[in-house]
Amino acid sequence: MESDPTSELPQYQRDRLKHIELRLRFLGEVRRPDLMQRFGIQSAAASRDLALYKELAPANIDYESRGKPRRW
């Protein structure tokens, strides 16, 4: 039986990871300001969430440098 790697994370962080997944699947991109505005978090927290998402689902996200959005 496979365990959910996010099960030990706080609910607020799981919510943000779900939002990242939603934006990537339906809009094809996500930006730090998207997370900052939606959840009222700082840039560092948004960066951590994006890095964690990439660690958990590396095939789902591609980072483009120089302020470009992360893409599906």
N, C-alpha and C. Protein backbone atom coordinates (compact mmCIF):
# COMPACT_ATOMS: atom_id res chain seq x y z
N MET A 1 0.83 -1.18 0.00
CA MET A 1 0.00 0.00 0.00
C MET A 1 0.88 1.25 0.00
N GLU A 2 0.63 2.13 -0.93
CA GLU A 2 1.40 3.36 -1.07
C GLU A 2 0.83 4.45 -0.17
N SER A 3 1.70 5.15 0.54
CA SER A 3 1.20 6.23 1.39
C SER A 3 1.31 7.56 0.65
N ASP A 4 0.46 8.48 1.02
CA ASP A 4 0.45 9.81 0.41
C ASP A 4 1.60 10.62 1.00
N PRO A 5 2.56 11.06 0.17
CA PRO A 5 3.71 11.80 0.71
C PRO A 5 3.33 13.15 1.31
N THR A 6 2.14 13.64 1.01
CA THR A 6 1.72 14.93 1.57
C THR A 6 0.91 14.78 2.86
N SER A 7 0.65 13.55 3.29
CA SER A 7 -0.23 13.34 4.45
C SER A 7 0.34 13.94 5.74
N GLU A 8 1.64 14.09 5.83
CA GLU A 8 2.25 14.65 7.04
C GLU A 8 2.36 16.17 6.99
N LEU A 9 2.03 16.77 5.85
CA LEU A 9 2.12 18.23 5.71
C LEU A 9 0.91 18.89 6.36
N PRO A 10 1.07 20.13 6.81
CA PRO A 10 -0.09 20.86 7.35
C PRO A 10 -1.14 21.07 6.25
N GLN A 11 -2.39 21.18 6.66
CA GLN A 11 -3.49 21.33 5.70
C GLN A 11 -3.28 22.54 4.80
N TYR A 12 -2.81 23.67 5.37
CA TYR A 12 -2.63 24.87 4.55
C TYR A 12 -1.63 24.64 3.43
N GLN A 13 -0.59 23.84 3.69
CA GLN A 13 0.39 23.58 2.63
C GLN A 13 -0.18 22.61 1.60
N ARG A 14 -0.94 21.63 2.03
CA ARG A 14 -1.60 20.72 1.08
C ARG A 14 -2.56 21.50 0.19
N ASP A 15 -3.26 22.48 0.77
CA ASP A 15 -4.16 23.32 -0.03
C ASP A 15 -3.39 24.08 -1.10
N ARG A 16 -2.24 24.61 -0.74
CA ARG A 16 -1.43 25.36 -1.72
C ARG A 16 -0.90 24.43 -2.80
N LEU A 17 -0.48 23.23 -2.44
CA LEU A 17 -0.01 22.26 -3.44
C LEU A 17 -1.14 21.87 -4.39
N LYS A 18 -2.33 21.71 -3.86
CA LYS A 18 -3.49 21.40 -4.71
C LYS A 18 -3.78 22.55 -5.67
N HIS A 19 -3.61 23.78 -5.19
CA HIS A 19 -3.83 24.95 -6.04
C HIS A 19 -2.79 24.98 -7.17
N ILE A 20 -1.54 24.67 -6.85
CA ILE A 20 -0.50 24.60 -7.88
C ILE A 20 -0.89 23.56 -8.93
N GLU A 21 -1.31 22.39 -8.48
CA GLU A 21 -1.73 21.32 -9.39
C GLU A 21 -2.88 21.78 -10.28
N LEU A 22 -3.86 22.42 -9.68
CA LEU A 22 -5.02 22.91 -10.42
C LEU A 22 -4.62 23.90 -11.51
N ARG A 23 -3.81 24.88 -11.15
CA ARG A 23 -3.38 25.90 -12.13
C ARG A 23 -2.57 25.26 -13.26
N LEU A 24 -1.69 24.33 -12.91
CA LEU A 24 -0.88 23.68 -13.94
C LEU A 24 -1.74 22.86 -14.89
N ARG A 25 -2.68 22.11 -14.35
CA ARG A 25 -3.52 21.25 -15.18
C ARG A 25 -4.47 22.04 -16.07
N PHE A 26 -5.09 23.09 -15.51
CA PHE A 26 -6.14 23.78 -16.25
C PHE A 26 -5.68 25.05 -16.96
N LEU A 27 -4.65 25.70 -16.44
CA LEU A 27 -4.15 26.92 -17.08
C LEU A 27 -2.80 26.71 -17.75
N GLY A 28 -2.10 25.64 -17.36
CA GLY A 28 -0.81 25.33 -17.97
C GLY A 28 0.37 26.07 -17.37
N GLU A 29 0.12 26.89 -16.35
CA GLU A 29 1.22 27.61 -15.72
C GLU A 29 0.83 28.07 -14.32
N VAL A 30 1.84 28.38 -13.53
CA VAL A 30 1.64 28.96 -12.20
C VAL A 30 2.82 29.87 -11.92
N ARG A 31 2.54 30.98 -11.25
CA ARG A 31 3.58 31.94 -10.87
C ARG A 31 3.54 32.17 -9.37
N ARG A 32 4.68 32.57 -8.84
CA ARG A 32 4.74 32.90 -7.41
C ARG A 32 3.67 33.90 -7.01
N PRO A 33 3.50 35.00 -7.77
CA PRO A 33 2.46 35.97 -7.38
C PRO A 33 1.05 35.37 -7.33
N ASP A 34 0.78 34.34 -8.13
CA ASP A 34 -0.52 33.67 -8.07
C ASP A 34 -0.76 33.12 -6.66
N LEU A 35 0.25 32.44 -6.13
CA LEU A 35 0.14 31.86 -4.79
C LEU A 35 0.10 32.95 -3.73
N MET A 36 0.92 33.97 -3.90
CA MET A 36 0.98 35.05 -2.92
C MET A 36 -0.37 35.75 -2.80
N GLN A 37 -1.00 36.01 -3.92
CA GLN A 37 -2.28 36.71 -3.92
C GLN A 37 -3.39 35.80 -3.39
N ARG A 38 -3.43 34.57 -3.85
CA ARG A 38 -4.52 33.65 -3.47
C ARG A 38 -4.50 33.31 -1.98
N PHE A 39 -3.28 33.11 -1.43
CA PHE A 39 -3.17 32.63 -0.05
C PHE A 39 -2.63 33.67 0.92
N GLY A 40 -2.26 34.85 0.44
CA GLY A 40 -1.75 35.89 1.33
C GLY A 40 -0.42 35.52 1.96
N ILE A 41 0.45 34.86 1.18
CA ILE A 41 1.75 34.43 1.68
C ILE A 41 2.85 35.27 1.07
N GLN A 42 4.03 35.19 1.65
CA GLN A 42 5.20 35.91 1.14
C GLN A 42 5.87 35.11 0.02
N SER A 43 6.74 35.78 -0.70
CA SER A 43 7.45 35.20 -1.83
C SER A 43 8.23 33.94 -1.44
N ALA A 44 8.88 33.97 -0.28
CA ALA A 44 9.68 32.82 0.16
C ALA A 44 8.80 31.58 0.36
N ALA A 45 7.63 31.75 0.94
CA ALA A 45 6.72 30.62 1.16
C ALA A 45 6.23 30.07 -0.18
N ALA A 46 5.92 30.96 -1.12
CA ALA A 46 5.48 30.52 -2.44
C ALA A 46 6.60 29.76 -3.15
N SER A 47 7.83 30.23 -3.02
CA SER A 47 8.97 29.54 -3.63
C SER A 47 9.15 28.15 -3.02
N ARG A 48 9.01 28.05 -1.70
CA ARG A 48 9.12 26.74 -1.03
C ARG A 48 8.04 25.78 -1.52
N ASP A 49 6.83 26.29 -1.66
CA ASP A 49 5.73 25.43 -2.13
C ASP A 49 5.99 24.95 -3.56
N LEU A 50 6.47 25.83 -4.41
CA LEU A 50 6.77 25.43 -5.79
C LEU A 50 7.91 24.41 -5.83
N ALA A 51 8.92 24.61 -5.00
CA ALA A 51 10.03 23.66 -4.94
C ALA A 51 9.56 22.30 -4.42
N LEU A 52 8.69 22.32 -3.41
CA LEU A 52 8.15 21.07 -2.87
C LEU A 52 7.30 20.36 -3.92
N TYR A 53 6.48 21.11 -4.63
CA TYR A 53 5.66 20.50 -5.69
C TYR A 53 6.57 19.84 -6.73
N LYS A 54 7.63 20.53 -7.12
CA LYS A 54 8.56 19.98 -8.12
C LYS A 54 9.23 18.71 -7.59
N GLU A 55 9.53 18.68 -6.30
CA GLU A 55 10.13 17.49 -5.69
C GLU A 55 9.14 16.32 -5.69
N LEU A 56 7.88 16.61 -5.41
CA LEU A 56 6.86 15.56 -5.32
C LEU A 56 6.38 15.09 -6.70
N ALA A 57 6.37 15.98 -7.67
CA ALA A 57 5.85 15.64 -9.01
C ALA A 57 6.72 16.27 -10.09
N PRO A 58 7.98 15.83 -10.21
CA PRO A 58 8.91 16.49 -11.13
C PRO A 58 8.49 16.47 -12.59
N ALA A 59 7.72 15.47 -12.99
CA ALA A 59 7.30 15.39 -14.40
C ALA A 59 6.18 16.37 -14.72
N ASN A 60 5.56 16.94 -13.70
CA ASN A 60 4.40 17.82 -13.92
C ASN A 60 4.75 19.29 -14.06
N ILE A 61 5.98 19.67 -13.78
CA ILE A 61 6.30 21.09 -13.74
C ILE A 61 7.69 21.32 -14.34
N ASP A 62 7.80 22.40 -15.08
CA ASP A 62 9.07 22.77 -15.70
C ASP A 62 9.33 24.23 -15.40
N TYR A 63 10.43 24.51 -14.72
CA TYR A 63 10.74 25.89 -14.34
C TYR A 63 11.49 26.58 -15.47
N GLU A 64 11.01 27.77 -15.84
CA GLU A 64 11.70 28.60 -16.82
C GLU A 64 12.26 29.80 -16.07
N SER A 65 13.55 30.03 -16.20
CA SER A 65 14.20 31.11 -15.45
C SER A 65 13.77 32.49 -15.94
N ARG A 66 14.22 33.49 -15.24
CA ARG A 66 13.96 34.90 -15.54
C ARG A 66 12.49 35.28 -15.43
N GLY A 67 11.87 34.87 -14.33
CA GLY A 67 10.52 35.33 -14.04
C GLY A 67 9.41 34.71 -14.85
N LYS A 68 9.75 33.74 -15.66
CA LYS A 68 8.71 33.09 -16.46
C LYS A 68 7.93 32.11 -15.58
N PRO A 69 6.72 31.79 -15.96
CA PRO A 69 5.91 30.90 -15.12
C PRO A 69 6.40 29.46 -15.17
N ARG A 70 6.06 28.71 -14.13
CA ARG A 70 6.30 27.27 -14.14
C ARG A 70 5.21 26.69 -15.02
N ARG A 71 5.58 25.75 -15.86
CA ARG A 71 4.62 25.22 -16.84
C ARG A 71 4.43 23.72 -16.66
N TRP A 72 3.27 23.28 -17.13
CA TRP A 72 2.90 21.87 -17.11
C TRP A 72 3.73 21.11 -18.11
